[in-house]
C-alpha atoms as a PDB file:
ATOM      1  CA  MET A   1      17.241  -2.477  -5.830  1.00  0.00           C
ATOM      2  CA  TYR A   2      17.772  -4.868  -2.487  1.00  0.00           C
ATOM      3  CA  ASP A   3      19.234  -1.714  -0.565  1.00  0.00           C
ATOM      4  CA  LYS A   4      15.973   0.045  -0.340  1.00  0.00           C
ATOM      5  CA  LEU A   5      14.116  -2.801   1.182  1.00  0.00           C
ATOM      6  CA  LEU A   6      17.184  -3.379   3.641  1.00  0.00           C
ATOM      7  CA  ASP A   7      17.203   0.293   4.424  1.00  0.00           C
ATOM      8  CA  HIS A   8      13.485   0.015   5.406  1.00  0.00           C
ATOM      9  CA  ILE A   9      14.302  -2.948   7.492  1.00  0.00           C
ATOM     10  CA  ARG A  10      17.054  -0.931   9.180  1.00  0.00           C
ATOM     11  CA  GLN A  11      14.901   2.106   9.510  1.00  0.00           C
ATOM     12  CA  ASN A  12      12.233   0.113  11.593  1.00  0.00           C
ATOM     13  CA  VAL A  13      14.645  -2.381  13.372  1.00  0.00           C
ATOM     14  CA  PRO A  14      17.861  -0.164  14.158  1.00  0.00           C
ATOM     15  CA  ALA A  15      19.917  -2.725  15.453  1.00  0.00           C
ATOM     16  CA  THR A  16      19.141  -5.518  12.491  1.00  0.00           C
ATOM     17  CA  SER A  17      21.659  -7.984  11.817  1.00  0.00           C
ATOM     18  CA  ILE A  18      19.778  -9.112   8.288  1.00  0.00           C
ATOM     19  CA  LYS A  19      22.099  -9.768   5.619  1.00  0.00           C
ATOM     20  CA  LYS A  20      21.614  -8.271   1.705  1.00  0.00           C
ATOM     21  CA  GLN A  21      22.243 -11.975   0.702  1.00  0.00           C
ATOM     22  CA  ILE A  22      19.036 -13.175   2.875  1.00  0.00           C
ATOM     23  CA  ILE A  23      17.173 -10.563   0.779  1.00  0.00           C
ATOM     24  CA  GLU A  24      18.220 -11.772  -2.224  1.00  0.00           C
ATOM     25  CA  GLU A  25      17.275 -15.360  -1.637  1.00  0.00           C
ATOM     26  CA  TYR A  26      13.719 -14.861  -0.303  1.00  0.00           C
ATOM     27  CA  PHE A  27      12.597 -12.137  -2.763  1.00  0.00           C
ATOM     28  CA  THR A  28      12.135 -11.646  -6.349  1.00  0.00           C
ATOM     29  CA  PRO A  29      12.048  -8.497  -8.445  1.00  0.00           C
ATOM     30  CA  LYS A  30       9.230  -7.783 -10.531  1.00  0.00           C
ATOM     31  CA  LEU A  31       7.915  -4.966 -12.820  1.00  0.00           C
ATOM     32  CA  PHE A  32       4.157  -4.289 -13.231  1.00  0.00           C
ATOM     33  CA  GLU A  33       2.791  -1.905 -15.937  1.00  0.00           C
ATOM     34  CA  LYS A  34       0.556   1.041 -15.415  1.00  0.00           C
ATOM     35  CA  LYS A  35      -3.072  -0.447 -14.919  1.00  0.00           C
ATOM     36  CA  GLU A  36      -2.037  -3.873 -14.144  1.00  0.00           C
ATOM     37  CA  HIS A  37      -3.381  -5.356 -11.240  1.00  0.00           C
ATOM     38  CA  PHE A  38      -1.425  -7.259  -8.205  1.00  0.00           C
ATOM     39  CA  LEU A  39      -4.710  -8.254  -6.715  1.00  0.00           C
ATOM     40  CA  LYS A  40      -8.316  -9.062  -7.970  1.00  0.00           C
ATOM     41  CA  GLN A  41     -11.312  -9.593  -5.570  1.00  0.00           C
ATOM     42  CA  GLY A  42     -12.016 -13.191  -5.054  1.00  0.00           C
ATOM     43  CA  TYR A  43      -8.511 -14.530  -5.861  1.00  0.00           C
ATOM     44  CA  ILE A  44      -5.670 -15.627  -3.112  1.00  0.00           C
ATOM     45  CA  CYS A  45      -3.049 -13.226  -2.356  1.00  0.00           C
ATOM     46  CA  LYS A  46      -0.055 -15.253  -3.288  1.00  0.00           C
ATOM     47  CA  PHE A  47       2.839 -12.527  -2.912  1.00  0.00           C
ATOM     48  CA  ALA A  48       3.270  -9.550  -0.814  1.00  0.00           C
ATOM     49  CA  GLY A  49       5.392  -6.717  -2.317  1.00  0.00           C
ATOM     50  CA  PHE A  50       7.662  -4.078  -1.053  1.00  0.00           C
ATOM     51  CA  VAL A  51       7.474  -1.182  -3.593  1.00  0.00           C
ATOM     52  CA  ILE A  52      10.899   0.149  -5.061  1.00  0.00           C
ATOM     53  CA  GLU A  53       9.522   2.595  -7.459  1.00  0.00           C
ATOM     54  CA  GLY A  54       5.864   3.407  -8.558  1.00  0.00           C
ATOM     55  CA  CYS A  55       2.383   3.643  -6.857  1.00  0.00           C
ATOM     56  CA  TYR A  56      -0.777   1.911  -6.589  1.00  0.00           C
ATOM     57  CA  ARG A  57      -4.297   1.858  -5.706  1.00  0.00           C
ATOM     58  CA  ASN A  58      -6.358  -0.333  -3.340  1.00  0.00           C
ATOM     59  CA  TYR A  59     -10.001  -0.277  -4.150  1.00  0.00           C
ATOM     60  CA  ILE A  60     -13.333  -2.209  -3.512  1.00  0.00           C
ATOM     61  CA  LEU A  61     -16.297  -2.508  -5.820  1.00  0.00           C
ATOM     62  CA  SER A  62     -19.532  -1.103  -4.138  1.00  0.00           C
ATOM     63  CA  THR A  63     -22.726  -2.703  -4.345  1.00  0.00           C
ATOM     64  CA  GLU A  64     -23.187  -1.079  -7.908  1.00  0.00           C
ATOM     65  CA  GLY A  65     -20.182  -1.927  -9.246  1.00  0.00           C
ATOM     66  CA  LYS A  66     -18.494   1.279  -8.645  1.00  0.00           C
ATOM     67  CA  GLU A  67     -14.575   1.241  -8.123  1.00  0.00           C
ATOM     68  CA  VAL A  68     -14.138   3.073  -4.439  1.00  0.00           C
ATOM     69  CA  ASN A  69     -10.552   3.898  -3.796  1.00  0.00           C
ATOM     70  CA  THR A  70      -9.644   2.660  -0.135  1.00  0.00           C
ATOM     71  CA  GLY A  71      -6.234   3.670  -0.174  1.00  0.00           C
ATOM     72  CA  PHE A  72      -2.808   4.721  -2.059  1.00  0.00           C
ATOM     73  CA  GLY A  73       0.588   3.330  -2.012  1.00  0.00           C
ATOM     74  CA  PHE A  74       4.424   4.505  -2.950  1.00  0.00           C
ATOM     75  CA  GLU A  75       7.907   3.665  -2.557  1.00  0.00           C
ATOM     76  CA  ASN A  76       8.890   2.097   0.650  1.00  0.00           C
ATOM     77  CA  TRP A  77       5.320   0.914   0.964  1.00  0.00           C
ATOM     78  CA  TRP A  78       4.135  -2.866   1.484  1.00  0.00           C
ATOM     79  CA  LEU A  79       1.133  -4.374  -0.620  1.00  0.00           C
ATOM     80  CA  GLY A  80      -0.909  -7.022  -0.510  1.00  0.00           C
ATOM     81  CA  ASP A  81      -3.992  -8.365   1.443  1.00  0.00           C
ATOM     82  CA  VAL A  82      -2.339  -9.689   4.671  1.00  0.00           C
ATOM     83  CA  SER A  83      -5.310 -11.756   5.751  1.00  0.00           C
ATOM     84  CA  SER A  84      -5.290 -13.371   2.305  1.00  0.00           C
ATOM     85  CA  PHE A  85      -1.682 -14.168   2.284  1.00  0.00           C
ATOM     86  CA  VAL A  86      -1.347 -15.523   5.577  1.00  0.00           C
ATOM     87  CA  ASN A  87      -4.472 -17.671   5.457  1.00  0.00           C
ATOM     88  CA  GLN A  88      -4.626 -18.046   1.712  1.00  0.00           C
ATOM     89  CA  THR A  89      -7.999 -17.400   1.670  1.00  0.00           C
ATOM     90  CA  PRO A  90      -9.696 -15.129  -1.244  1.00  0.00           C
ATOM     91  CA  THR A  91      -9.359 -11.172  -1.068  1.00  0.00           C
ATOM     92  CA  LEU A  92     -12.003  -8.740  -0.804  1.00  0.00           C
ATOM     93  CA  ILE A  93      -9.667  -5.829  -2.205  1.00  0.00           C
ATOM     94  CA  ASN A  94      -8.351  -4.996  -5.783  1.00  0.00           C
ATOM     95  CA  THR A  95      -5.005  -3.728  -6.050  1.00  0.00           C
ATOM     96  CA  GLN A  96      -3.837  -1.483  -9.514  1.00  0.00           C
ATOM     97  CA  PHE A  97      -0.773   0.210 -10.484  1.00  0.00           C
ATOM     98  CA  LEU A  98      -1.066   3.850 -11.384  1.00  0.00           C
ATOM     99  CA  GLU A  99       2.258   4.206 -12.693  1.00  0.00           C
ATOM    100  CA  ASP A 100       5.028   1.458 -13.765  1.00  0.00           C
ATOM    101  CA  THR A 101       6.050  -0.043 -10.599  1.00  0.00           C
ATOM    102  CA  THR A 102       9.061  -1.934  -9.543  1.00  0.00           C
ATOM    103  CA  LEU A 103       8.417  -4.692  -7.015  1.00  0.00           C
ATOM    104  CA  LEU A 104      10.532  -7.088  -4.620  1.00  0.00           C
ATOM    105  CA  THR A 105       7.877  -9.777  -3.888  1.00  0.00           C
ATOM    106  CA  ILE A 106       7.847 -12.840  -1.690  1.00  0.00           C
ATOM    107  CA  THR A 107       5.964 -15.883  -1.721  1.00  0.00           C
ATOM    108  CA  ALA A 108       3.724 -17.073   1.209  1.00  0.00           C
ATOM    109  CA  LYS A 109       6.009 -19.879   1.777  1.00  0.00           C
ATOM    110  CA  ASN A 110       9.116 -17.819   1.802  1.00  0.00           C
ATOM    111  CA  HIS A 111       7.592 -15.194   3.966  1.00  0.00           C
ATOM    112  CA  LEU A 112       6.782 -17.980   6.564  1.00  0.00           C
ATOM    113  CA  ASP A 113      10.416 -19.514   6.231  1.00  0.00           C
ATOM    114  CA  LEU A 114      12.383 -16.113   6.401  1.00  0.00           C
ATOM    115  CA  LEU A 115      10.120 -15.456   9.648  1.00  0.00           C
ATOM    116  CA  GLU A 116      11.484 -18.697  10.922  1.00  0.00           C
ATOM    117  CA  LYS A 117      15.064 -17.821  10.094  1.00  0.00           C
ATOM    118  CA  SER A 118      15.479 -13.882  10.961  1.00  0.00           C
ATOM    119  CA  GLN A 119      14.593 -12.682  14.231  1.00  0.00           C
ATOM    120  CA  CYS A 120      14.969  -9.260  12.516  1.00  0.00           C
ATOM    121  CA  PHE A 121      12.623  -9.830  10.297  1.00  0.00           C
ATOM    122  CA  ARG A 122       9.961 -10.919  12.481  1.00  0.00           C
ATOM    123  CA  GLU A 123      10.482  -7.933  14.560  1.00  0.00           C
ATOM    124  CA  TYR A 124      10.474  -5.956  11.252  1.00  0.00           C
ATOM    125  CA  THR A 125       6.774  -7.475  10.552  1.00  0.00           C
ATOM    126  CA  ASN A 126       5.627  -7.185  13.904  1.00  0.00           C
ATOM    127  CA  LYS A 127       6.406  -3.388  13.733  1.00  0.00           C
ATOM    128  CA  LEU A 128       4.720  -3.084  10.100  1.00  0.00           C
ATOM    129  CA  ARG A 129       1.822  -4.936  11.391  1.00  0.00           C
ATOM    130  CA  SER A 130       1.312  -2.600  14.188  1.00  0.00           C
ATOM    131  CA  THR A 131       1.628   0.675  12.297  1.00  0.00           C
ATOM    132  CA  ALA A 132      -0.862  -1.107   9.943  1.00  0.00           C
ATOM    133  CA  THR A 133      -3.377  -1.203  12.792  1.00  0.00           C
ATOM    134  CA  THR A 134      -2.787   2.408  14.053  1.00  0.00           C
ATOM    135  CA  ALA A 135      -3.295   3.961  10.602  1.00  0.00           C
ATOM    136  CA  SER A 136      -6.467   1.739  10.006  1.00  0.00           C
ATOM    137  CA  VAL A 137      -8.016   2.905  13.164  1.00  0.00           C
ATOM    138  CA  LEU A 138      -7.066   6.714  12.156  1.00  0.00           C
ATOM    139  CA  LYS A 139      -8.469   6.044   9.004  1.00  0.00           C
ATOM    140  CA  LEU A 140     -11.946   4.666  10.303  1.00  0.00           C
ATOM    141  CA  SER A 141     -11.971   7.380  12.751  1.00  0.00           C
ATOM    142  CA  GLY A 142     -11.462   9.856   9.748  1.00  0.00           C
ATOM    143  CA  LEU A 143     -14.411   9.007   7.896  1.00  0.00           C
ATOM    144  CA  SER A 144     -16.721  10.974  10.027  1.00  0.00           C
ATOM    145  CA  GLU A 145     -14.760  14.161   9.154  1.00  0.00           C
ATOM    146  CA  SER A 146     -15.696  16.227   6.215  1.00  0.00           C
ATOM    147  CA  ALA A 147     -14.578  16.005   2.840  1.00  0.00           C
ATOM    148  CA  SER A 148     -12.549  19.274   3.176  1.00  0.00           C
ATOM    149  CA  THR A 149     -11.057  17.899   6.315  1.00  0.00           C
ATOM    150  CA  ARG A 150     -10.300  14.553   4.676  1.00  0.00           C
ATOM    151  CA  TYR A 151      -8.611  16.456   1.547  1.00  0.00           C
ATOM    152  CA  LYS A 152      -6.231  18.684   3.908  1.00  0.00           C
ATOM    153  CA  VAL A 153      -5.034  15.478   6.017  1.00  0.00           C
ATOM    154  CA  LEU A 154      -4.578  13.607   2.778  1.00  0.00           C
ATOM    155  CA  LEU A 155      -2.592  16.493   1.372  1.00  0.00           C
ATOM    156  CA  GLU A 156      -0.620  17.131   4.642  1.00  0.00           C
ATOM    157  CA  LYS A 157       0.504  13.367   4.623  1.00  0.00           C
ATOM    158  CA  TYR A 158       1.138  13.299   0.826  1.00  0.00           C
ATOM    159  CA  PRO A 159       2.340  16.735  -0.296  1.00  0.00           C
ATOM    160  CA  LYS A 160       2.903  15.499  -3.806  1.00  0.00           C
ATOM    161  CA  ILE A 161       0.085  13.164  -4.349  1.00  0.00           C
ATOM    162  CA  GLN A 162      -1.641  15.597  -6.549  1.00  0.00           C
ATOM    163  CA  GLN A 163       1.528  15.288  -9.183  1.00  0.00           C
ATOM    164  CA  ARG A 164       0.936  11.429  -9.251  1.00  0.00           C
ATOM    165  CA  ILE A 165      -2.486  10.462  -8.746  1.00  0.00           C
ATOM    166  CA  SER A 166      -5.234  11.794 -10.517  1.00  0.00           C
ATOM    167  CA  GLN A 167      -8.314  13.791  -9.631  1.00  0.00           C
ATOM    168  CA  LYS A 168     -11.024  11.215 -10.372  1.00  0.00           C
ATOM    169  CA  GLN A 169      -8.845   8.538  -7.987  1.00  0.00           C
ATOM    170  CA  ILE A 170      -8.135  11.187  -5.213  1.00  0.00           C
ATOM    171  CA  ALA A 171     -12.223  12.007  -5.564  1.00  0.00           C
ATOM    172  CA  SER A 172     -13.162   8.535  -5.276  1.00  0.00           C
ATOM    173  CA  PHE A 173     -10.835   8.037  -2.203  1.00  0.00           C
ATOM    174  CA  LEU A 174     -12.581  11.009  -0.188  1.00  0.00           C
ATOM    175  CA  GLN A 175     -15.684   9.656  -1.799  1.00  0.00           C
ATOM    176  CA  ILE A 176     -16.902  12.518  -3.308  1.00  0.00           C
ATOM    177  CA  THR A 177     -17.062  13.638  -7.039  1.00  0.00           C
ATOM    178  CA  PRO A 178     -14.475  14.767  -9.119  1.00  0.00           C
ATOM    179  CA  GLU A 179     -16.567  18.089  -9.632  1.00  0.00           C
ATOM    180  CA  ALA A 180     -16.846  17.986  -5.792  1.00  0.00           C
ATOM    181  CA  LEU A 181     -13.146  18.067  -5.458  1.00  0.00           C
ATOM    182  CA  CYS A 182     -12.174  20.574  -8.131  1.00  0.00           C
ATOM    183  CA  ARG A 183     -14.766  23.179  -6.133  1.00  0.00           C
ATOM    184  CA  LEU A 184     -13.025  21.746  -3.056  1.00  0.00           C
ATOM    185  CA  ARG A 185      -9.722  22.650  -4.565  1.00  0.00           C
ATOM    186  CA  LYS A 186     -10.635  26.039  -5.587  1.00  0.00           C
ATOM    187  CA  SER A 187     -12.128  26.836  -2.234  1.00  0.00           C
ATOM    188  CA  GLU A 188      -8.988  25.692  -0.589  1.00  0.00           C
ATOM    189  CA  ILE A 189      -6.554  28.318  -2.496  1.00  0.00           C
ATOM    190  CA  PRO A 190      -5.213  31.447  -0.420  1.00  0.00           C
END
């Protein structure tokens, strides 16, 4: 289980010297059931998690109280609200598991301690933040695209998403109705 995180660190920081014992010391494995929440709007993000197995969705509540998906995460992804986690302030997002999910979790205190202790983990964290910032900019720029284009990009980026995420959840992410997604899927079939 810990090897998956070590492999991910090594993929992002090739000359890494971080040891498995350090990961085991700072991270705790946790199992979550499908539909369980990791984060709820208004609460403080006390843990960050690395997905070993499973998937999740991030969503916000619209002013009408409707759930609007803002993203999905899969194996080898991190989850948590960085701002809430670092500053210990209430989060604006909700994170719910779409499958039974196994995480390696780390507390805010352990995260800070590990950043101080390990240069490699600092480099890894900085690289992840840079990647996340780039992804956010690309996501925002994609909002002006048509639903068809957003759907194609989603399928290119996550080819197996339709096997793991319901059409209702995908439609919410694309900000269209499930019926519109059904029509879109039919029109995309060659």
